[in-house]
PDB file of N, CA and C in Angstrom:
ATOM      1  N   UNK A   1      90.362  82.164 122.359  1.00  0.00           N
ATOM      2  CA  UNK A   1      90.527  82.825 120.713  1.00  0.00           C
ATOM      3  C   UNK A   1      91.974  82.961 120.641  1.00  0.00           C
ATOM      4  N   UNK A   2      92.195  82.119 119.272  1.00  0.00           N
ATOM      5  CA  UNK A   2      93.728  82.859 118.830  1.00  0.00           C
ATOM      6  C   UNK A   2      93.821  84.208 118.383  1.00  0.00           C
ATOM      7  N   UNK A   3      95.108  84.471 119.138  1.00  0.00           N
ATOM      8  CA  UNK A   3      95.228  86.180 118.507  1.00  0.00           C
ATOM      9  C   UNK A   3      95.303  86.276 117.394  1.00  0.00           C
ATOM     10  N   UNK A   4      95.431  85.460 116.541  1.00  0.00           N
ATOM     11  CA  UNK A   4      95.632  85.943 115.208  1.00  0.00           C
ATOM     12  C   UNK A   4      94.584  86.093 114.716  1.00  0.00           C
ATOM     13  N   UNK A   5      93.226  85.269 114.792  1.00  0.00           N
ATOM     14  CA  UNK A   5      91.937  85.353 114.401  1.00  0.00           C
ATOM     15  C   UNK A   5      91.082  86.582 115.042  1.00  0.00           C
ATOM     16  N   UNK A   6      91.668  86.640 116.592  1.00  0.00           N
ATOM     17  CA  UNK A   6      91.238  87.984 116.761  1.00  0.00           C
ATOM     18  C   UNK A   6      91.416  89.431 116.429  1.00  0.00           C
ATOM     19  N   UNK A   7      92.951  88.779 115.579  1.00  0.00           N
ATOM     20  CA  UNK A   7      94.002  90.416 115.259  1.00  0.00           C
ATOM     21  C   UNK A   7      93.216  90.512 113.897  1.00  0.00           C
ATOM     22  N   UNK A   8      92.520  89.652 113.125  1.00  0.00           N
ATOM     23  CA  UNK A   8      91.907  89.242 111.965  1.00  0.00           C
ATOM     24  C   UNK A   8      90.423  90.079 111.787  1.00  0.00           C
ATOM     25  N   UNK A   9      89.939  89.753 113.059  1.00  0.00           N
ATOM     26  CA  UNK A   9      88.312  90.151 113.340  1.00  0.00           C
ATOM     27  C   UNK A   9      88.718  91.482 113.268  1.00  0.00           C
ATOM     28  N   UNK A  10      89.595  91.995 114.434  1.00  0.00           N
ATOM     29  CA  UNK A  10      89.748  93.422 114.746  1.00  0.00           C
ATOM     30  C   UNK A  10      89.831  94.177 113.824  1.00  0.00           C
ATOM     31  N   UNK A  11      90.874  94.442 112.659  1.00  0.00           N
ATOM     32  CA  UNK A  11      91.441  94.727 111.495  1.00  0.00           C
ATOM     33  C   UNK A  11      89.839  94.882 110.429  1.00  0.00           C
ATOM     34  N   UNK A  12      89.268  93.860 110.644  1.00  0.00           N
ATOM     35  CA  UNK A  12      88.063  93.573 109.992  1.00  0.00           C
ATOM     36  C   UNK A  12      86.750  95.235 110.223  1.00  0.00           C
ATOM     37  N   UNK A  13      86.791  94.917 111.875  1.00  0.00           N
ATOM     38  CA  UNK A  13      85.743  95.288 112.685  1.00  0.00           C
ATOM     39  C   UNK A  13      86.214  97.111 111.851  1.00  0.00           C
ATOM     40  N   UNK A  14      87.834  97.357 112.176  1.00  0.00           N
ATOM     41  CA  UNK A  14      87.900  98.705 112.016  1.00  0.00           C
ATOM     42  C   UNK A  14      87.822  98.696 110.464  1.00  0.00           C
ATOM     43  N   UNK A  15      88.415  98.135 109.862  1.00  0.00           N
ATOM     44  CA  UNK A  15      88.130  98.414 108.168  1.00  0.00           C
ATOM     45  C   UNK A  15      86.419  98.666 108.001  1.00  0.00           C
ATOM     46  N   UNK A  16      85.847  97.759 108.883  1.00  0.00           N
ATOM     47  CA  UNK A  16      84.103  98.212 108.643  1.00  0.00           C
ATOM     48  C   UNK A  16      83.729  99.193 109.010  1.00  0.00           C
ATOM     49  N   UNK A  17      83.766  99.358 110.094  1.00  0.00           N
ATOM     50  CA  UNK A  17      83.836 101.079 111.077  1.00  0.00           C
ATOM     51  C   UNK A  17      83.862 102.264 110.091  1.00  0.00           C
ATOM     52  N   UNK A  18      85.332 102.224 109.274  1.00  0.00           N
ATOM     53  CA  UNK A  18      85.857 103.530 108.387  1.00  0.00           C
ATOM     54  C   UNK A  18      84.787 103.023 107.165  1.00  0.00           C
ATOM     55  N   UNK A  19      85.073 102.054 106.767  1.00  0.00           N
ATOM     56  CA  UNK A  19      83.908 102.318 105.131  1.00  0.00           C
ATOM     57  C   UNK A  19      82.200 102.514 105.525  1.00  0.00           C
ATOM     58  N   UNK A  20      81.784 102.211 106.664  1.00  0.00           N
ATOM     59  CA  UNK A  20      80.350 102.236 106.654  1.00  0.00           C
ATOM     60  C   UNK A  20      80.356 104.131 107.213  1.00  0.00           C
ATOM     61  N   UNK A  21      81.092 104.137 107.881  1.00  0.00           N
ATOM     62  CA  UNK A  21      81.089 105.677 108.599  1.00  0.00           C
ATOM     63  C   UNK A  21      81.690 107.097 107.781  1.00  0.00           C
ATOM     64  N   UNK A  22      82.675 106.534 106.974  1.00  0.00           N
ATOM     65  CA  UNK A  22      83.127 107.682 105.619  1.00  0.00           C
ATOM     66  C   UNK A  22      82.717 107.352 104.516  1.00  0.00           C
ATOM     67  N   UNK A  23      82.175 106.060 104.107  1.00  0.00           N
ATOM     68  CA  UNK A  23      81.655 105.843 102.846  1.00  0.00           C
ATOM     69  C   UNK A  23      82.403 104.999 102.001  1.00  0.00           C
ATOM     70  N   UNK A  24      83.914 105.141 102.661  1.00  0.00           N
ATOM     71  CA  UNK A  24      84.914 104.649 101.514  1.00  0.00           C
ATOM     72  C   UNK A  24      86.100 104.260 102.882  1.00  0.00           C
ATOM     73  N   UNK A  25      87.059 103.652 102.273  1.00  0.00           N
ATOM     74  CA  UNK A  25      88.437 103.452 103.089  1.00  0.00           C
ATOM     75  C   UNK A  25      88.555 101.927 103.711  1.00  0.00           C
ATOM     76  N   UNK A  26      87.738 101.104 103.946  1.00  0.00           N
ATOM     77  CA  UNK A  26      88.035  99.939 104.344  1.00  0.00           C
ATOM     78  C   UNK A  26      88.961  99.137 103.557  1.00  0.00           C
ATOM     79  N   UNK A  27      89.556  99.766 102.029  1.00  0.00           N
ATOM     80  CA  UNK A  27      90.658  99.009 101.510  1.00  0.00           C
ATOM     81  C   UNK A  27      91.939  99.440 101.691  1.00  0.00           C
ATOM     82  N   UNK A  28      91.915 100.729 102.389  1.00  0.00           N
ATOM     83  CA  UNK A  28      93.207 101.530 102.648  1.00  0.00           C
ATOM     84  C   UNK A  28      93.484 101.067 103.674  1.00  0.00           C
ATOM     85  N   UNK A  29      92.682 100.492 104.935  1.00  0.00           N
ATOM     86  CA  UNK A  29      92.832  99.863 106.022  1.00  0.00           C
ATOM     87  C   UNK A  29      93.131  98.549 105.460  1.00  0.00           C
ATOM     88  N   UNK A  30      92.685  97.680 104.984  1.00  0.00           N
ATOM     89  CA  UNK A  30      92.743  96.041 104.805  1.00  0.00           C
ATOM     90  C   UNK A  30      94.007  95.558 103.593  1.00  0.00           C
ATOM     91  N   UNK A  31      94.581  96.445 102.658  1.00  0.00           N
ATOM     92  CA  UNK A  31      95.513  96.226 101.678  1.00  0.00           C
ATOM     93  C   UNK A  31      97.012  96.180 102.564  1.00  0.00           C
ATOM     94  N   UNK A  32      97.204  97.436 102.955  1.00  0.00           N
ATOM     95  CA  UNK A  32      98.401  97.490 103.586  1.00  0.00           C
ATOM     96  C   UNK A  32      98.424  96.143 104.788  1.00  0.00           C
ATOM     97  N   UNK A  33      97.525  96.525 105.866  1.00  0.00           N
ATOM     98  CA  UNK A  33      97.443  95.348 106.617  1.00  0.00           C
ATOM     99  C   UNK A  33      97.832  93.766 106.195  1.00  0.00           C
ATOM    100  N   UNK A  34      97.341  93.365 105.016  1.00  0.00           N
ATOM    101  CA  UNK A  34      97.321  92.035 104.695  1.00  0.00           C
ATOM    102  C   UNK A  34      98.794  91.721 103.684  1.00  0.00           C
ATOM    103  N   UNK A  35      99.132  92.790 103.026  1.00  0.00           N
ATOM    104  CA  UNK A  35     100.385  93.028 102.325  1.00  0.00           C
ATOM    105  C   UNK A  35     101.637  93.137 103.774  1.00  0.00           C
ATOM    106  N   UNK A  36     101.559  94.628 104.418  1.00  0.00           N
ATOM    107  CA  UNK A  36     102.781  94.694 105.724  1.00  0.00           C
ATOM    108  C   UNK A  36     103.035  93.570 106.361  1.00  0.00           C
ATOM    109  N   UNK A  37     101.592  93.346 107.060  1.00  0.00           N
ATOM    110  CA  UNK A  37     101.236  92.916 108.597  1.00  0.00           C
ATOM    111  C   UNK A  37     101.439  91.139 108.346  1.00  0.00           C
ATOM    112  N   UNK A  38     100.520  90.697 107.721  1.00  0.00           N
ATOM    113  CA  UNK A  38     100.392  89.226 107.339  1.00  0.00           C
ATOM    114  C   UNK A  38     101.175  88.817 106.364  1.00  0.00           C
ATOM    115  N   UNK A  39     102.025  89.473 105.332  1.00  0.00           N
ATOM    116  CA  UNK A  39     102.727  89.418 104.123  1.00  0.00           C
ATOM    117  C   UNK A  39     102.338  88.113 103.097  1.00  0.00           C
ATOM    118  N   UNK A  40     100.846  88.701 102.897  1.00  0.00           N
ATOM    119  CA  UNK A  40     100.228  87.880 101.682  1.00  0.00           C
ATOM    120  C   UNK A  40     100.715  88.734 100.379  1.00  0.00           C
ATOM    121  N   UNK A  41     100.805  88.318  99.713  1.00  0.00           N
ATOM    122  CA  UNK A  41     100.830  88.524  97.955  1.00  0.00           C
ATOM    123  C   UNK A  41      99.886  89.902  97.713  1.00  0.00           C
ATOM    124  N   UNK A  42     100.579  90.736  96.887  1.00  0.00           N
ATOM    125  CA  UNK A  42      99.670  91.708  96.236  1.00  0.00           C
ATOM    126  C   UNK A  42      98.411  91.394  95.725  1.00  0.00           C
ATOM    127  N   UNK A  43      98.482  90.667  95.109  1.00  0.00           N
ATOM    128  CA  UNK A  43      97.075  90.277  94.453  1.00  0.00           C
ATOM    129  C   UNK A  43      95.873  89.726  95.042  1.00  0.00           C
ATOM    130  N   UNK A  44      96.815  88.898  95.699  1.00  0.00           N
ATOM    131  CA  UNK A  44      95.584  88.068  96.775  1.00  0.00           C
ATOM    132  C   UNK A  44      95.370  88.738  98.086  1.00  0.00           C
ATOM    133  N   UNK A  45      95.746  89.924  98.150  1.00  0.00           N
ATOM    134  CA  UNK A  45      95.227  91.221  99.121  1.00  0.00           C
ATOM    135  C   UNK A  45      94.681  92.054  99.046  1.00  0.00           C
ATOM    136  N   UNK A  46      94.864  92.201  97.689  1.00  0.00           N
ATOM    137  CA  UNK A  46      93.816  93.089  97.182  1.00  0.00           C
ATOM    138  C   UNK A  46      92.572  92.066  96.728  1.00  0.00           C
ATOM    139  N   UNK A  47      92.404  91.412  95.989  1.00  0.00           N
ATOM    140  CA  UNK A  47      91.300  90.547  95.967  1.00  0.00           C
ATOM    141  C   UNK A  47      90.739  90.182  97.118  1.00  0.00           C
ATOM    142  N   UNK A  48      91.229  89.504  98.051  1.00  0.00           N
ATOM    143  CA  UNK A  48      90.590  89.445  99.239  1.00  0.00           C
ATOM    144  C   UNK A  48      89.857  90.284  99.811  1.00  0.00           C
ATOM    145  N   UNK A  49      90.941  91.619  99.826  1.00  0.00           N
ATOM    146  CA  UNK A  49      90.320  93.266 100.315  1.00  0.00           C
ATOM    147  C   UNK A  49      88.664  93.086  99.518  1.00  0.00           C
ATOM    148  N   UNK A  50      88.681  93.318  98.297  1.00  0.00           N
ATOM    149  CA  UNK A  50      87.598  93.469  97.392  1.00  0.00           C
ATOM    150  C   UNK A  50      86.026  92.480  98.360  1.00  0.00           C
ATOM    151  N   UNK A  51      86.651  91.299  98.274  1.00  0.00           N
ATOM    152  CA  UNK A  51      85.618  90.220  98.794  1.00  0.00           C
ATOM    153  C   UNK A  51      84.907  91.258  99.923  1.00  0.00           C
ATOM    154  N   UNK A  52      86.195  91.304 101.053  1.00  0.00           N
ATOM    155  CA  UNK A  52      85.280  91.629 102.252  1.00  0.00           C
ATOM    156  C   UNK A  52      84.759  93.154 102.245  1.00  0.00           C
ATOM    157  N   UNK A  53      85.291  94.124 101.517  1.00  0.00           N
ATOM    158  CA  UNK A  53      84.714  95.238 101.060  1.00  0.00           C
ATOM    159  C   UNK A  53      82.748  95.050 100.691  1.00  0.00           C
ATOM    160  N   UNK A  54      83.060  94.003  99.625  1.00  0.00           N
ATOM    161  CA  UNK A  54      81.776  93.222  99.583  1.00  0.00           C
ATOM    162  C   UNK A  54      80.603  93.494 100.727  1.00  0.00           C
ATOM    163  N   UNK A  55      81.183  92.734 101.622  1.00  0.00           N
ATOM    164  CA  UNK A  55      80.213  92.181 102.729  1.00  0.00           C
ATOM    165  C   UNK A  55      79.969  93.636 103.400  1.00  0.00           C
ATOM    166  N   UNK A  56      81.094  94.902 103.428  1.00  0.00           N
ATOM    167  CA  UNK A  56      81.178  95.646 104.477  1.00  0.00           C
ATOM    168  C   UNK A  56      80.279  96.692 103.752  1.00  0.00           C
ATOM    169  N   UNK A  57      80.298  96.841 102.475  1.00  0.00           N
ATOM    170  CA  UNK A  57      79.382  97.693 101.821  1.00  0.00           C
ATOM    171  C   UNK A  57      77.691  97.209 101.881  1.00  0.00           C
ATOM    172  N   UNK A  58      77.772  95.810 101.783  1.00  0.00           N
ATOM    173  CA  UNK A  58      76.585  95.320 101.463  1.00  0.00           C
ATOM    174  C   UNK A  58      75.637  95.486 103.219  1.00  0.00           C
ATOM    175  N   UNK A  59      76.529  95.345 104.384  1.00  0.00           N
ATOM    176  CA  UNK A  59      75.651  95.492 105.534  1.00  0.00           C
ATOM    177  C   UNK A  59      75.861  97.389 105.825  1.00  0.00           C
ATOM    178  N   UNK A  60      76.410  98.225 105.444  1.00  0.00           N
ATOM    179  CA  UNK A  60      76.165  99.242 105.276  1.00  0.00           C
ATOM    180  C   UNK A  60      75.017  99.565 104.563  1.00  0.00           C
ATOM    181  N   UNK A  61      74.804  99.345 103.715  1.00  0.00           N
ATOM    182  CA  UNK A  61      73.885  99.881 102.587  1.00  0.00           C
ATOM    183  C   UNK A  61      72.518  99.490 102.956  1.00  0.00           C
ATOM    184  N   UNK A  62      72.689  98.363 104.168  1.00  0.00           N
ATOM    185  CA  UNK A  62      71.210  97.867 104.116  1.00  0.00           C
ATOM    186  C   UNK A  62      70.736  98.899 105.625  1.00  0.00           C
ATOM    187  N   UNK A  63      71.610  99.541 106.387  1.00  0.00           N
ATOM    188  CA  UNK A  63      71.131 100.722 107.248  1.00  0.00           C
ATOM    189  C   UNK A  63      71.078 101.869 106.729  1.00  0.00           C
ATOM    190  N   UNK A  64      71.458 102.298 105.214  1.00  0.00           N
ATOM    191  CA  UNK A  64      71.410 103.174 104.713  1.00  0.00           C
ATOM    192  C   UNK A  64      69.913 103.254 104.041  1.00  0.00           C
ATOM    193  N   UNK A  65      69.809 102.010 103.598  1.00  0.00           N
ATOM    194  CA  UNK A  65      68.156 101.326 102.786  1.00  0.00           C
ATOM    195  C   UNK A  65      67.253 102.311 104.054  1.00  0.00           C
ATOM    196  N   UNK A  66      67.592 101.341 105.257  1.00  0.00           N
ATOM    197  CA  UNK A  66      66.225 101.704 106.389  1.00  0.00           C
ATOM    198  C   UNK A  66      66.417 102.904 106.797  1.00  0.00           C
ATOM    199  N   UNK A  67      67.088 103.938 106.422  1.00  0.00           N
ATOM    200  CA  UNK A  67      67.006 105.610 106.699  1.00  0.00           C
ATOM    201  C   UNK A  67      66.845 106.026 105.850  1.00  0.00           C
ATOM    202  N   UNK A  68      66.225 105.737 104.509  1.00  0.00           N
ATOM    203  CA  UNK A  68      65.716 106.164 103.383  1.00  0.00           C
ATOM    204  C   UNK A  68      66.745 107.260 102.769  1.00  0.00           C
ATOM    205  N   UNK A  69      68.194 106.951 103.069  1.00  0.00           N
ATOM    206  CA  UNK A  69      69.615 107.555 102.436  1.00  0.00           C
ATOM    207  C   UNK A  69      69.853 107.444 101.111  1.00  0.00           C
ATOM    208  N   UNK A  70      69.279 106.990  99.988  1.00  0.00           N
ATOM    209  CA  UNK A  70      69.954 106.454  99.155  1.00  0.00           C
ATOM    210  C   UNK A  70      69.236 106.932  97.841  1.00  0.00           C
ATOM    211  N   UNK A  71      70.300 108.001  97.021  1.00  0.00           N
ATOM    212  CA  UNK A  71      69.646 108.255  96.085  1.00  0.00           C
ATOM    213  C   UNK A  71      69.600 107.058  94.719  1.00  0.00           C
ATOM    214  N   UNK A  72      68.563 106.571  94.493  1.00  0.00           N
ATOM    215  CA  UNK A  72      68.751 105.233  93.895  1.00  0.00           C
ATOM    216  C   UNK A  72      69.234 105.770  92.343  1.00  0.00           C
ATOM    217  N   UNK A  73      68.488 106.886  91.601  1.00  0.00           N
ATOM    218  CA  UNK A  73      69.210 106.935  90.169  1.00  0.00           C
ATOM    219  C   UNK A  73      70.525 107.426  90.344  1.00  0.00           C
ATOM    220  N   UNK A  74      70.940 107.784  91.177  1.00  0.00           N
ATOM    221  CA  UNK A  74      72.404 108.465  91.174  1.00  0.00           C
ATOM    222  C   UNK A  74      73.047 107.245  91.575  1.00  0.00           C
ATOM    223  N   UNK A  75      72.681 106.116  92.288  1.00  0.00           N
ATOM    224  CA  UNK A  75      73.277 105.007  92.507  1.00  0.00           C
ATOM    225  C   UNK A  75      73.566 103.896  91.602  1.00  0.00           C
ATOM    226  N   UNK A  76      72.281 104.021  90.346  1.00  0.00           N
ATOM    227  CA  UNK A  76      72.254 102.778  89.311  1.00  0.00           C
ATOM    228  C   UNK A  76      73.166 103.374  88.327  1.00  0.00           C
ATOM    229  N   UNK A  77      73.554 104.938  88.332  1.00  0.00           N
ATOM    230  CA  UNK A  77      74.585 104.964  87.661  1.00  0.00           C
ATOM    231  C   UNK A  77      76.155 105.147  87.896  1.00  0.00           C
ATOM    232  N   UNK A  78      75.714 105.272  88.950  1.00  0.00           N
ATOM    233  CA  UNK A  78      77.242 105.144  89.478  1.00  0.00           C
ATOM    234  C   UNK A  78      77.483 103.115  89.179  1.00  0.00           C
ATOM    235  N   UNK A  79      76.531 102.520  89.750  1.00  0.00           N
ATOM    236  CA  UNK A  79      77.076 101.178  89.152  1.00  0.00           C
ATOM    237  C   UNK A  79      77.136 100.482  88.258  1.00  0.00           C
ATOM    238  N   UNK A  80      76.503 101.353  87.172  1.00  0.00           N
ATOM    239  CA  UNK A  80      76.592 100.585  85.621  1.00  0.00           C
ATOM    240  C   UNK A  80      78.314 101.059  85.610  1.00  0.00           C
ATOM    241  N   UNK A  81      78.835 102.079  86.113  1.00  0.00           N
ATOM    242  CA  UNK A  81      80.291 102.834  85.660  1.00  0.00           C
ATOM    243  C   UNK A  81      80.917 101.502  86.586  1.00  0.00           C
ATOM    244  N   UNK A  82      80.579 101.344  87.874  1.00  0.00           N
ATOM    245  CA  UNK A  82      81.272 100.461  88.800  1.00  0.00           C
ATOM    246  C   UNK A  82      81.719  98.949  88.322  1.00  0.00           C
ATOM    247  N   UNK A  83      80.179  98.461  87.761  1.00  0.00           N
ATOM    248  CA  UNK A  83      80.542  97.338  87.101  1.00  0.00           C
ATOM    249  C   UNK A  83      81.949  97.024  86.256  1.00  0.00           C
ATOM    250  N   UNK A  84      81.413  98.203  84.848  1.00  0.00           N
ATOM    251  CA  UNK A  84      82.483  98.342  83.984  1.00  0.00           C
ATOM    252  C   UNK A  84      83.742  98.186  84.656  1.00  0.00           C
ATOM    253  N   UNK A  85      84.385  99.712  85.740  1.00  0.00           N
ATOM    254  CA  UNK A  85      85.055  99.721  86.241  1.00  0.00           C
ATOM    255  C   UNK A  85      86.240  98.336  86.915  1.00  0.00           C
ATOM    256  N   UNK A  86      85.173  97.906  87.672  1.00  0.00           N
ATOM    257  CA  UNK A  86      85.696  96.590  88.491  1.00  0.00           C
ATOM    258  C   UNK A  86      85.882  95.287  87.317  1.00  0.00           C
ATOM    259  N   UNK A  87      85.548  95.476  86.245  1.00  0.00           N
ATOM    260  CA  UNK A  87      85.653  94.126  85.185  1.00  0.00           C
ATOM    261  C   UNK A  87      87.416  94.444  84.930  1.00  0.00           C
ATOM    262  N   UNK A  88      87.353  95.975  84.335  1.00  0.00           N
ATOM    263  CA  UNK A  88      88.488  96.009  83.647  1.00  0.00           C
ATOM    264  C   UNK A  88      89.731  95.747  85.111  1.00  0.00           C
ATOM    265  N   UNK A  89      89.207  96.728  86.001  1.00  0.00           N
ATOM    266  CA  UNK A  89      90.397  96.872  87.263  1.00  0.00           C
ATOM    267  C   UNK A  89      91.118  95.456  87.590  1.00  0.00           C
ATOM    268  N   UNK A  90      89.768  94.324  87.879  1.00  0.00           N
ATOM    269  CA  UNK A  90      90.325  92.971  88.081  1.00  0.00           C
ATOM    270  C   UNK A  90      91.362  92.336  87.034  1.00  0.00           C
ATOM    271  N   UNK A  91      90.685  92.435  85.796  1.00  0.00           N
ATOM    272  CA  UNK A  91      91.763  91.911  84.726  1.00  0.00           C
ATOM    273  C   UNK A  91      93.078  92.194  84.838  1.00  0.00           C
ATOM    274  N   UNK A  92      93.245  93.746  84.759  1.00  0.00           N
ATOM    275  CA  UNK A  92      94.179  94.328  85.047  1.00  0.00           C
ATOM    276  C   UNK A  92      95.513  94.194  86.284  1.00  0.00           C
ATOM    277  N   UNK A  93      94.338  93.243  87.787  1.00  0.00           N
ATOM    278  CA  UNK A  93      95.355  93.337  88.810  1.00  0.00           C
ATOM    279  C   UNK A  93      95.497  92.278  88.752  1.00  0.00           C
ATOM    280  N   UNK A  94      95.296  90.953  88.005  1.00  0.00           N
ATOM    281  CA  UNK A  94      96.003  89.590  87.815  1.00  0.00           C
ATOM    282  C   UNK A  94      96.941  89.456  86.922  1.00  0.00           C
ATOM    283  N   UNK A  95      97.320  90.820  85.712  1.00  0.00           N
ATOM    284  CA  UNK A  95      98.053  90.952  85.007  1.00  0.00           C
ATOM    285  C   UNK A  95      99.294  91.531  85.271  1.00  0.00           C
ATOM    286  N   UNK A  96      99.234  92.349  86.189  1.00  0.00           N
ATOM    287  CA  UNK A  96      99.805  93.732  85.959  1.00  0.00           C
ATOM    288  C   UNK A  96     101.080  93.412  87.220  1.00  0.00           C
ATOM    289  N   UNK A  97     102.543  93.823  86.777  1.00  0.00           N
ATOM    290  CA  UNK A  97     103.563  93.477  87.755  1.00  0.00           C
ATOM    291  C   UNK A  97     103.566  93.910  88.667  1.00  0.00           C
ATOM    292  N   UNK A  98     103.826  93.205  89.869  1.00  0.00           N
ATOM    293  CA  UNK A  98     103.517  93.527  91.545  1.00  0.00           C
ATOM    294  C   UNK A  98     104.383  94.895  91.764  1.00  0.00           C
ATOM    295  N   UNK A  99     105.322  95.235  91.476  1.00  0.00           N
ATOM    296  CA  UNK A  99     105.942  96.662  91.748  1.00  0.00           C
ATOM    297  C   UNK A  99     104.903  97.737  90.728  1.00  0.00           C
ATOM    298  N   UNK A 100     104.775  97.545  89.419  1.00  0.00           N
ATOM    299  CA  UNK A 100     104.163  98.752  89.181  1.00  0.00           C
ATOM    300  C   UNK A 100     102.588  98.812  90.181  1.00  0.00           C
ATOM    301  N   UNK A 101     101.899  97.795  90.647  1.00  0.00           N
ATOM    302  CA  UNK A 101     100.894  97.597  90.996  1.00  0.00           C
ATOM    303  C   UNK A 101     101.223  98.180  92.663  1.00  0.00           C
ATOM    304  N   UNK A 102     102.274  98.640  93.312  1.00  0.00           N
ATOM    305  CA  UNK A 102     102.280  98.299  94.483  1.00  0.00           C
ATOM    306  C   UNK A 102     102.690 100.152  94.550  1.00  0.00           C
ATOM    307  N   UNK A 103     103.311 100.736  93.615  1.00  0.00           N
ATOM    308  CA  UNK A 103     103.457 102.037  93.093  1.00  0.00           C
ATOM    309  C   UNK A 103     102.140 102.907  92.987  1.00  0.00           C
ATOM    310  N   UNK A 104     101.633 101.837  91.808  1.00  0.00           N
ATOM    311  CA  UNK A 104     100.356 102.918  91.409  1.00  0.00           C
ATOM    312  C   UNK A 104      99.501 103.281  92.966  1.00  0.00           C
ATOM    313  N   UNK A 105      99.518 101.908  93.722  1.00  0.00           N
ATOM    314  CA  UNK A 105      99.048 102.270  95.098  1.00  0.00           C
ATOM    315  C   UNK A 105      98.841 103.191  95.673  1.00  0.00           C
ATOM    316  N   UNK A 106     100.292 103.638  96.002  1.00  0.00           N
ATOM    317  CA  UNK A 106     101.216 104.780  96.851  1.00  0.00           C
ATOM    318  C   UNK A 106     100.678 105.788  96.324  1.00  0.00           C
ATOM    319  N   UNK A 107     100.563 106.196  94.730  1.00  0.00           N
ATOM    320  CA  UNK A 107     100.456 106.939  94.120  1.00  0.00           C
ATOM    321  C   UNK A 107      98.656 107.803  94.200  1.00  0.00           C
ATOM    322  N   UNK A 108      98.295 106.637  94.162  1.00  0.00           N
ATOM    323  CA  UNK A 108      96.790 106.817  94.490  1.00  0.00           C
ATOM    324  C   UNK A 108      96.501 107.312  96.155  1.00  0.00           C
ATOM    325  N   UNK A 109      97.049 107.070  96.883  1.00  0.00           N
ATOM    326  CA  UNK A 109      96.921 107.141  98.430  1.00  0.00           C
ATOM    327  C   UNK A 109      97.114 108.525  98.553  1.00  0.00           C
ATOM    328  N   UNK A 110      98.340 108.629  97.933  1.00  0.00           N
ATOM    329  CA  UNK A 110      98.847 110.217  97.920  1.00  0.00           C
ATOM    330  C   UNK A 110      98.095 111.192  97.142  1.00  0.00           C
ATOM    331  N   UNK A 111      97.576 110.839  96.768  1.00  0.00           N
ATOM    332  CA  UNK A 111      96.182 111.630  95.571  1.00  0.00           C
ATOM    333  C   UNK A 111      94.951 111.861  96.136  1.00  0.00           C
ATOM    334  N   UNK A 112      94.851 111.024  96.881  1.00  0.00           N
ATOM    335  CA  UNK A 112      93.542 111.039  97.859  1.00  0.00           C
ATOM    336  C   UNK A 112      93.544 111.939  99.132  1.00  0.00           C
ATOM    337  N   UNK A 113      94.788 111.517  99.520  1.00  0.00           N
ATOM    338  CA  UNK A 113      94.993 112.255 100.895  1.00  0.00           C
ATOM    339  C   UNK A 113      95.401 113.731 100.250  1.00  0.00           C
ATOM    340  N   UNK A 114      95.819 114.208  99.228  1.00  0.00           N
ATOM    341  CA  UNK A 114      96.156 115.435  98.869  1.00  0.00           C
ATOM    342  C   UNK A 114      94.703 115.969  98.693  1.00  0.00           C
ATOM    343  N   UNK A 115      93.877 115.429  98.107  1.00  0.00           N
ATOM    344  CA  UNK A 115      92.933 115.662  97.661  1.00  0.00           C
ATOM    345  C   UNK A 115      91.924 116.035  98.918  1.00  0.00           C
ATOM    346  N   UNK A 116      91.995 115.286 100.102  1.00  0.00           N
ATOM    347  CA  UNK A 116      91.029 115.251 101.319  1.00  0.00           C
ATOM    348  C   UNK A 116      91.342 116.490 101.354  1.00  0.00           C
ATOM    349  N   UNK A 117      92.867 116.801 101.470  1.00  0.00           N
ATOM    350  CA  UNK A 117      93.404 117.867 102.773  1.00  0.00           C
ATOM    351  C   UNK A 117      92.858 118.867 102.044  1.00  0.00           C
ATOM    352  N   UNK A 118      93.084 119.489 100.631  1.00  0.00           N
ATOM    353  CA  UNK A 118      92.615 120.496  99.678  1.00  0.00           C
ATOM    354  C   UNK A 118      90.677 120.538  99.972  1.00  0.00           C
TER     355      UNK A 118
END
């Protein structure tokens, strides 16, 4: 198997594991990998990551569903907000200056890291 293909599958595995185990974080693995290691465009990296996360979330949700671990009422409310936020976020992603995009992502990572520590 080609080393690059194996590396991409391995990083996908790691992102999927983190996403399934922590309930979030796959994008924090994939976006830096795609932009810094594979040198992909910022917008393409984020859009590709969103599609990858869709499959990770779908797969993890299946297992959580089978264990009856989902609060459906809460999930529905969050999904409504997530759909609206996803529409606005994706429209901003393709129109935002790449430097602003990079800086806002760094600020978000720092904020999330501090909140997790506290």
